[in-house]
C-alpha atoms as a PDB file:
ATOM      1  CA  MET A   1     -44.994 249.979 267.684  1.00  0.00           C
ATOM      2  CA  ARG A   2     -45.683 246.708 269.447  1.00  0.00           C
ATOM      3  CA  VAL A   3     -47.791 246.650 272.609  1.00  0.00           C
ATOM      4  CA  SER A   4     -44.900 245.385 274.741  1.00  0.00           C
ATOM      5  CA  ASN A   5     -42.707 248.283 273.575  1.00  0.00           C
ATOM      6  CA  ARG A   6     -45.452 250.776 274.460  1.00  0.00           C
ATOM      7  CA  VAL A   7     -45.858 249.258 277.913  1.00  0.00           C
ATOM      8  CA  GLY A   8     -42.112 249.424 278.440  1.00  0.00           C
ATOM      9  CA  LEU A   9     -42.016 253.079 277.377  1.00  0.00           C
ATOM     10  CA  LEU A  10     -44.916 253.898 279.679  1.00  0.00           C
ATOM     11  CA  LEU A  11     -43.151 252.204 282.597  1.00  0.00           C
ATOM     12  CA  VAL A  12     -39.931 254.105 281.931  1.00  0.00           C
ATOM     13  CA  ALA A  13     -41.824 257.397 281.624  1.00  0.00           C
ATOM     14  CA  GLY A  14     -43.720 256.690 284.853  1.00  0.00           C
ATOM     15  CA  CYS A  15     -40.492 255.929 286.694  1.00  0.00           C
ATOM     16  CA  MET A  16     -38.910 259.146 285.417  1.00  0.00           C
ATOM     17  CA  VAL A  17     -41.854 261.180 286.696  1.00  0.00           C
ATOM     18  CA  LEU A  18     -41.688 259.431 290.068  1.00  0.00           C
ATOM     19  CA  VAL A  19     -37.933 259.983 290.398  1.00  0.00           C
ATOM     20  CA  GLY A  20     -38.363 263.634 289.432  1.00  0.00           C
ATOM     21  CA  THR A  21     -41.026 264.061 292.082  1.00  0.00           C
ATOM     22  CA  LEU A  22     -39.016 262.364 294.813  1.00  0.00           C
ATOM     23  CA  ARG A  23     -35.668 263.886 293.894  1.00  0.00           C
ATOM     24  CA  GLY A  24     -36.003 266.832 296.279  1.00  0.00           C
ATOM     25  CA  GLN A  25     -37.955 264.946 298.944  1.00  0.00           C
ATOM     26  CA  ASN A  26     -36.147 263.681 302.021  1.00  0.00           C
ATOM     27  CA  THR A  27     -37.155 260.032 301.705  1.00  0.00           C
ATOM     28  CA  ALA A  28     -34.285 259.031 304.008  1.00  0.00           C
ATOM     29  CA  TYR A  29     -35.491 261.132 306.966  1.00  0.00           C
ATOM     30  CA  GLN A  30     -34.904 259.499 310.332  1.00  0.00           C
ATOM     31  CA  GLN A  31     -36.285 261.127 313.453  1.00  0.00           C
ATOM     32  CA  ASP A  32     -33.797 262.087 316.167  1.00  0.00           C
ATOM     33  CA  PRO A  33     -34.598 259.630 318.996  1.00  0.00           C
ATOM     34  CA  ASN A  34     -33.229 262.077 321.588  1.00  0.00           C
ATOM     35  CA  TRP A  35     -35.461 264.981 320.519  1.00  0.00           C
ATOM     36  CA  ARG A  36     -38.431 264.367 322.772  1.00  0.00           C
ATOM     37  CA  ALA A  37     -40.760 266.799 324.421  1.00  0.00           C
ATOM     38  CA  PRO A  38     -41.043 266.608 328.211  1.00  0.00           C
ATOM     39  CA  GLU A  39     -44.282 264.864 329.251  1.00  0.00           C
ATOM     40  CA  GLU A  40     -45.873 268.078 330.521  1.00  0.00           C
ATOM     41  CA  ASP A  41     -45.321 269.699 327.109  1.00  0.00           C
ATOM     42  CA  ALA A  42     -46.277 266.627 325.077  1.00  0.00           C
ATOM     43  CA  THR A  43     -49.690 266.473 326.738  1.00  0.00           C
ATOM     44  CA  ARG A  44     -50.598 270.109 326.001  1.00  0.00           C
ATOM     45  CA  THR A  45     -53.638 270.518 323.809  1.00  0.00           C
ATOM     46  CA  ASN A  46     -53.867 272.945 320.938  1.00  0.00           C
ATOM     47  CA  PRO A  47     -56.166 275.823 321.971  1.00  0.00           C
ATOM     48  CA  LEU A  48     -57.009 276.267 318.269  1.00  0.00           C
ATOM     49  CA  ALA A  49     -57.868 272.603 317.660  1.00  0.00           C
ATOM     50  CA  HIS A  50     -61.562 273.427 317.241  1.00  0.00           C
ATOM     51  CA  LYS A  51     -60.854 276.373 314.950  1.00  0.00           C
ATOM     52  CA  PRO A  52     -59.715 274.775 311.682  1.00  0.00           C
ATOM     53  CA  GLU A  53     -59.965 278.153 309.951  1.00  0.00           C
ATOM     54  CA  ALA A  54     -56.849 279.158 311.924  1.00  0.00           C
ATOM     55  CA  ALA A  55     -54.860 276.711 309.775  1.00  0.00           C
ATOM     56  CA  ALA A  56     -54.900 279.299 306.962  1.00  0.00           C
ATOM     57  CA  GLY A  57     -52.747 281.571 309.112  1.00  0.00           C
ATOM     58  CA  GLY A  58     -50.524 278.592 309.854  1.00  0.00           C
ATOM     59  CA  GLN A  59     -50.117 278.004 306.130  1.00  0.00           C
ATOM     60  CA  LYS A  60     -48.960 281.599 305.618  1.00  0.00           C
ATOM     61  CA  LEU A  61     -46.517 281.264 308.503  1.00  0.00           C
ATOM     62  CA  PHE A  62     -45.291 277.932 307.145  1.00  0.00           C
ATOM     63  CA  HIS A  63     -44.602 279.425 303.722  1.00  0.00           C
ATOM     64  CA  ARG A  64     -42.822 282.368 305.320  1.00  0.00           C
ATOM     65  CA  ASN A  65     -40.696 280.373 307.787  1.00  0.00           C
ATOM     66  CA  CYS A  66     -40.549 276.685 306.909  1.00  0.00           C
ATOM     67  CA  THR A  67     -40.609 275.981 303.166  1.00  0.00           C
ATOM     68  CA  GLU A  68     -36.912 276.730 302.741  1.00  0.00           C
ATOM     69  CA  CYS A  69     -36.186 273.409 304.467  1.00  0.00           C
ATOM     70  CA  HIS A  70     -39.463 271.476 304.459  1.00  0.00           C
ATOM     71  CA  GLY A  71     -40.669 272.451 300.985  1.00  0.00           C
ATOM     72  CA  ASP A  72     -44.122 273.729 300.024  1.00  0.00           C
ATOM     73  CA  ASP A  73     -45.754 270.363 300.704  1.00  0.00           C
ATOM     74  CA  GLY A  74     -43.840 269.641 303.919  1.00  0.00           C
ATOM     75  CA  ARG A  75     -42.033 266.601 302.523  1.00  0.00           C
ATOM     76  CA  GLY A  76     -38.642 267.912 303.610  1.00  0.00           C
ATOM     77  CA  LEU A  77     -35.790 268.765 301.275  1.00  0.00           C
ATOM     78  CA  ALA A  78     -33.076 266.117 301.182  1.00  0.00           C
ATOM     79  CA  LYS A  79     -30.322 268.692 300.706  1.00  0.00           C
ATOM     80  CA  LYS A  80     -31.436 270.343 303.961  1.00  0.00           C
ATOM     81  CA  HIS A  81     -31.874 267.006 305.804  1.00  0.00           C
ATOM     82  CA  ALA A  82     -35.268 268.311 306.903  1.00  0.00           C
ATOM     83  CA  ALA A  83     -38.082 266.180 308.271  1.00  0.00           C
ATOM     84  CA  ASP A  84     -40.793 264.927 305.946  1.00  0.00           C
ATOM     85  CA  LEU A  85     -43.739 266.317 307.883  1.00  0.00           C
ATOM     86  CA  GLN A  86     -46.156 264.011 306.073  1.00  0.00           C
ATOM     87  CA  LEU A  87     -44.638 260.841 307.534  1.00  0.00           C
ATOM     88  CA  PRO A  88     -46.508 258.966 310.278  1.00  0.00           C
ATOM     89  CA  VAL A  89     -43.454 259.344 312.551  1.00  0.00           C
ATOM     90  CA  VAL A  90     -44.238 263.082 312.557  1.00  0.00           C
ATOM     91  CA  GLN A  91     -48.031 263.016 312.197  1.00  0.00           C
ATOM     92  CA  ASP A  92     -48.430 260.530 315.059  1.00  0.00           C
ATOM     93  CA  GLN A  93     -46.875 262.964 317.534  1.00  0.00           C
ATOM     94  CA  THR A  94     -49.153 264.942 319.819  1.00  0.00           C
ATOM     95  CA  ASP A  95     -49.958 268.574 319.110  1.00  0.00           C
ATOM     96  CA  GLY A  96     -48.075 269.456 322.288  1.00  0.00           C
ATOM     97  CA  THR A  97     -44.968 267.651 321.023  1.00  0.00           C
ATOM     98  CA  LEU A  98     -45.098 269.421 317.671  1.00  0.00           C
ATOM     99  CA  PHE A  99     -45.590 272.761 319.422  1.00  0.00           C
ATOM    100  CA  TRP A 100     -42.616 272.045 321.688  1.00  0.00           C
ATOM    101  CA  LYS A 101     -40.430 271.116 318.708  1.00  0.00           C
ATOM    102  CA  ILE A 102     -41.426 274.253 316.775  1.00  0.00           C
ATOM    103  CA  THR A 103     -40.772 276.353 319.880  1.00  0.00           C
ATOM    104  CA  ASN A 104     -37.413 274.831 320.872  1.00  0.00           C
ATOM    105  CA  GLY A 105     -35.967 273.619 317.597  1.00  0.00           C
ATOM    106  CA  ASN A 106     -33.149 271.100 317.371  1.00  0.00           C
ATOM    107  CA  VAL A 107     -29.951 272.927 316.485  1.00  0.00           C
ATOM    108  CA  ASP A 108     -27.988 269.662 316.248  1.00  0.00           C
ATOM    109  CA  ARG A 109     -30.223 268.676 313.326  1.00  0.00           C
ATOM    110  CA  GLY A 110     -30.573 272.154 311.789  1.00  0.00           C
ATOM    111  CA  MET A 111     -34.068 272.955 313.071  1.00  0.00           C
ATOM    112  CA  PRO A 112     -34.142 276.510 314.398  1.00  0.00           C
ATOM    113  CA  SER A 113     -36.202 277.607 317.367  1.00  0.00           C
ATOM    114  CA  PHE A 114     -39.306 279.614 316.539  1.00  0.00           C
ATOM    115  CA  SER A 115     -39.845 280.752 320.117  1.00  0.00           C
ATOM    116  CA  LYS A 116     -39.885 284.368 318.930  1.00  0.00           C
ATOM    117  CA  LEU A 117     -43.166 283.754 317.111  1.00  0.00           C
ATOM    118  CA  PRO A 118     -46.182 284.497 319.299  1.00  0.00           C
ATOM    119  CA  GLU A 119     -47.616 281.391 320.971  1.00  0.00           C
ATOM    120  CA  MET A 120     -50.848 281.406 318.942  1.00  0.00           C
ATOM    121  CA  GLN A 121     -48.872 281.540 315.687  1.00  0.00           C
ATOM    122  CA  ARG A 122     -46.928 278.458 316.751  1.00  0.00           C
ATOM    123  CA  TRP A 123     -50.230 276.677 317.438  1.00  0.00           C
ATOM    124  CA  GLN A 124     -51.388 277.753 313.969  1.00  0.00           C
ATOM    125  CA  LEU A 125     -48.269 276.118 312.549  1.00  0.00           C
ATOM    126  CA  VAL A 126     -49.219 272.903 314.335  1.00  0.00           C
ATOM    127  CA  LEU A 127     -52.657 273.078 312.685  1.00  0.00           C
ATOM    128  CA  HIS A 128     -51.034 273.507 309.292  1.00  0.00           C
ATOM    129  CA  VAL A 129     -48.634 270.607 309.853  1.00  0.00           C
ATOM    130  CA  ARG A 130     -51.710 268.458 310.514  1.00  0.00           C
ATOM    131  CA  MET A 131     -53.098 269.545 307.134  1.00  0.00           C
ATOM    132  CA  LEU A 132     -49.971 268.147 305.449  1.00  0.00           C
ATOM    133  CA  LYS A 133     -50.846 264.599 306.433  1.00  0.00           C
ATOM    134  CA  HIS A 134     -50.637 262.457 303.328  1.00  0.00           C
ATOM    135  CA  ASP A 135     -53.602 260.250 302.487  1.00  0.00           C
ATOM    136  CA  VAL A 136     -52.480 256.833 301.293  1.00  0.00           C
ATOM    137  CA  ALA A 137     -55.936 255.948 299.953  1.00  0.00           C
ATOM    138  CA  PRO A 138     -57.352 257.916 297.002  1.00  0.00           C
ATOM    139  CA  GLN A 139     -60.261 260.171 297.835  1.00  0.00           C
ATOM    140  CA  ALA A 140     -63.636 259.914 296.096  1.00  0.00           C
ATOM    141  CA  THR A 141     -62.385 262.077 293.234  1.00  0.00           C
ATOM    142  CA  GLY A 142     -59.565 259.639 292.581  1.00  0.00           C
ATOM    143  CA  THR A 143     -56.887 262.130 293.584  1.00  0.00           C
ATOM    144  CA  LYS A 144     -54.604 262.299 296.539  1.00  0.00           C
ATOM    145  CA  LYS A 145     -54.239 265.159 298.943  1.00  0.00           C
END
């Protein structure tokens, strides 16, 4: 096989893997501009911010309550129109804003309220959402988060 044919096959195979990976991801997610936390809520600080070990509980809660729409990696399932929690538009929000959104939901967009979860569990979810942040630069091992 000629080198150019091999390169072409590798490109096609790479594209197929990429499409397969993105197929379920909500790459078209657009944040609802009207879904904003009140200032007093947005400025709240996470009481667990200095307890990163609490994120493990948030991960369990996330898998129990959130993966149906957001997927295991938080990228959001297109068929559910769920937010990609790895995007900067989500990650750049304050902990207080994320807590408020988890607490209140957005029924117009299909996000249920999780106000029935105890407050500390909702803060644990915020910690876990922070762990989903996608690194754009490879780490020292050459892999991505």
